[in-house]
């Protein structure tokens, strides 16, 4: 992956006025992945929307990392169940 495609964590933190430790906590909990290149940390552009949701949950709604993990897990399960419902509906149409 080209370095120009990645977003520096430092820039993201400055833009959103957040601490780097929050990004680190999200990475340690497995919610996001951070790529390290030449002593700098980067975020993949595909993860930005998810990361911005986590920022809003934490800073606007004051939800801690454990709460964010739980919410993320439950939302993934809902999406999975919705896909399964659509698949089952498609099978019934056949």
C-alpha atoms as a PDB file:
ATOM      1  CA  UNK A   1       0.000   0.000   0.000  1.00  0.00           C
ATOM      2  CA  UNK A   2       1.372   3.394  -0.930  1.00  0.00           C
ATOM      3  CA  UNK A   3       2.160   5.725   1.925  1.00  0.00           C
ATOM      4  CA  UNK A   4       0.188   8.561   0.285  1.00  0.00           C
ATOM      5  CA  UNK A   5      -3.020   6.520   0.645  1.00  0.00           C
ATOM      6  CA  UNK A   6      -2.617   6.289   4.415  1.00  0.00           C
ATOM      7  CA  UNK A   7      -3.713   8.991   6.839  1.00  0.00           C
ATOM      8  CA  UNK A   8      -1.230   9.955   9.556  1.00  0.00           C
ATOM      9  CA  UNK A   9      -2.647   9.348  13.028  1.00  0.00           C
ATOM     10  CA  UNK A  10      -1.048  12.601  14.136  1.00  0.00           C
ATOM     11  CA  UNK A  11      -3.033  14.565  11.517  1.00  0.00           C
ATOM     12  CA  UNK A  12      -6.265  12.749  12.397  1.00  0.00           C
ATOM     13  CA  UNK A  13      -5.782  13.552  16.093  1.00  0.00           C
ATOM     14  CA  UNK A  14      -5.072  17.220  15.389  1.00  0.00           C
ATOM     15  CA  UNK A  15      -8.040  17.531  13.018  1.00  0.00           C
ATOM     16  CA  UNK A  16     -10.455  15.944  15.533  1.00  0.00           C
ATOM     17  CA  UNK A  17      -8.792  17.466  18.602  1.00  0.00           C
ATOM     18  CA  UNK A  18      -8.317  14.082  20.293  1.00  0.00           C
ATOM     19  CA  UNK A  19      -5.490  12.397  22.160  1.00  0.00           C
ATOM     20  CA  UNK A  20      -3.281   9.799  20.485  1.00  0.00           C
ATOM     21  CA  UNK A  21      -3.907   7.529  23.475  1.00  0.00           C
ATOM     22  CA  UNK A  22      -7.531   7.130  22.334  1.00  0.00           C
ATOM     23  CA  UNK A  23      -6.343   5.767  18.965  1.00  0.00           C
ATOM     24  CA  UNK A  24      -3.900   3.522  20.784  1.00  0.00           C
ATOM     25  CA  UNK A  25      -6.655   2.214  23.072  1.00  0.00           C
ATOM     26  CA  UNK A  26      -8.857   1.434  20.059  1.00  0.00           C
ATOM     27  CA  UNK A  27      -5.988  -0.402  18.403  1.00  0.00           C
ATOM     28  CA  UNK A  28      -5.195  -2.359  21.580  1.00  0.00           C
ATOM     29  CA  UNK A  29      -8.833  -3.436  21.833  1.00  0.00           C
ATOM     30  CA  UNK A  30      -8.802  -4.633  18.211  1.00  0.00           C
ATOM     31  CA  UNK A  31     -11.369  -2.126  16.955  1.00  0.00           C
ATOM     32  CA  UNK A  32      -9.000  -0.504  14.448  1.00  0.00           C
ATOM     33  CA  UNK A  33      -5.626  -1.264  12.965  1.00  0.00           C
ATOM     34  CA  UNK A  34      -2.784   1.210  12.763  1.00  0.00           C
ATOM     35  CA  UNK A  35       0.087   0.786  10.323  1.00  0.00           C
ATOM     36  CA  UNK A  36       3.555   1.893  11.376  1.00  0.00           C
ATOM     37  CA  UNK A  37       5.976   3.120   8.733  1.00  0.00           C
ATOM     38  CA  UNK A  38       9.251   4.873   9.458  1.00  0.00           C
ATOM     39  CA  UNK A  39       8.411   5.617  13.096  1.00  0.00           C
ATOM     40  CA  UNK A  40       5.015   7.142  12.224  1.00  0.00           C
ATOM     41  CA  UNK A  41       1.540   5.665  12.642  1.00  0.00           C
ATOM     42  CA  UNK A  42      -1.053   5.656   9.862  1.00  0.00           C
ATOM     43  CA  UNK A  43      -4.721   4.785   9.432  1.00  0.00           C
ATOM     44  CA  UNK A  44      -6.105   3.179   6.287  1.00  0.00           C
ATOM     45  CA  UNK A  45      -8.695   5.401   4.533  1.00  0.00           C
ATOM     46  CA  UNK A  46     -11.274   2.590   4.672  1.00  0.00           C
ATOM     47  CA  UNK A  47     -11.207   2.771   8.486  1.00  0.00           C
ATOM     48  CA  UNK A  48     -11.831   6.518   8.759  1.00  0.00           C
ATOM     49  CA  UNK A  49     -15.653   6.326   8.893  1.00  0.00           C
ATOM     50  CA  UNK A  50     -15.538   3.678  11.602  1.00  0.00           C
ATOM     51  CA  UNK A  51     -12.913   5.639  13.526  1.00  0.00           C
ATOM     52  CA  UNK A  52     -14.954   8.845  13.333  1.00  0.00           C
ATOM     53  CA  UNK A  53     -17.966   6.958  14.762  1.00  0.00           C
ATOM     54  CA  UNK A  54     -15.807   5.799  17.655  1.00  0.00           C
ATOM     55  CA  UNK A  55     -14.599   9.368  18.234  1.00  0.00           C
ATOM     56  CA  UNK A  56     -18.197  10.632  18.405  1.00  0.00           C
ATOM     57  CA  UNK A  57     -19.216   7.815  20.752  1.00  0.00           C
ATOM     58  CA  UNK A  58     -16.336   8.521  23.093  1.00  0.00           C
ATOM     59  CA  UNK A  59     -16.111  12.302  23.071  1.00  0.00           C
ATOM     60  CA  UNK A  60     -19.718  13.325  22.378  1.00  0.00           C
ATOM     61  CA  UNK A  61     -21.577  10.532  24.164  1.00  0.00           C
ATOM     62  CA  UNK A  62     -18.864   9.823  26.759  1.00  0.00           C
ATOM     63  CA  UNK A  63     -18.849   6.075  26.088  1.00  0.00           C
ATOM     64  CA  UNK A  64     -15.720   4.277  27.283  1.00  0.00           C
ATOM     65  CA  UNK A  65     -13.664   1.862  25.164  1.00  0.00           C
ATOM     66  CA  UNK A  66     -15.424  -1.199  26.591  1.00  0.00           C
ATOM     67  CA  UNK A  67     -18.793   0.322  25.722  1.00  0.00           C
ATOM     68  CA  UNK A  68     -17.594   1.103  22.207  1.00  0.00           C
ATOM     69  CA  UNK A  69     -16.431  -2.510  21.838  1.00  0.00           C
ATOM     70  CA  UNK A  70     -19.872  -3.763  22.914  1.00  0.00           C
ATOM     71  CA  UNK A  71     -21.766  -1.373  20.641  1.00  0.00           C
ATOM     72  CA  UNK A  72     -19.527  -2.264  17.689  1.00  0.00           C
ATOM     73  CA  UNK A  73     -20.039  -5.982  18.308  1.00  0.00           C
ATOM     74  CA  UNK A  74     -23.813  -5.615  18.561  1.00  0.00           C
ATOM     75  CA  UNK A  75     -24.015  -3.480  15.397  1.00  0.00           C
ATOM     76  CA  UNK A  76     -21.984  -6.087  13.499  1.00  0.00           C
ATOM     77  CA  UNK A  77     -24.366  -8.807  14.714  1.00  0.00           C
ATOM     78  CA  UNK A  78     -27.383  -6.767  13.594  1.00  0.00           C
ATOM     79  CA  UNK A  79     -25.864  -6.290  10.129  1.00  0.00           C
ATOM     80  CA  UNK A  80     -25.081 -10.004   9.945  1.00  0.00           C
ATOM     81  CA  UNK A  81     -28.659 -10.893  10.890  1.00  0.00           C
ATOM     82  CA  UNK A  82     -30.055  -8.437   8.346  1.00  0.00           C
ATOM     83  CA  UNK A  83     -27.949 -10.069   5.605  1.00  0.00           C
ATOM     84  CA  UNK A  84     -29.208 -13.474   6.710  1.00  0.00           C
ATOM     85  CA  UNK A  85     -32.829 -12.279   6.598  1.00  0.00           C
ATOM     86  CA  UNK A  86     -32.327 -10.970   3.059  1.00  0.00           C
ATOM     87  CA  UNK A  87     -30.727 -14.271   1.994  1.00  0.00           C
ATOM     88  CA  UNK A  88     -33.558 -16.281   3.509  1.00  0.00           C
ATOM     89  CA  UNK A  89     -36.114 -14.000   1.854  1.00  0.00           C
ATOM     90  CA  UNK A  90     -34.373 -14.515  -1.491  1.00  0.00           C
ATOM     91  CA  UNK A  91     -34.488 -18.302  -1.001  1.00  0.00           C
ATOM     92  CA  UNK A  92     -38.221 -18.154  -0.300  1.00  0.00           C
ATOM     93  CA  UNK A  93     -38.771 -16.198  -3.531  1.00  0.00           C
ATOM     94  CA  UNK A  94     -37.244 -19.018  -5.603  1.00  0.00           C
END
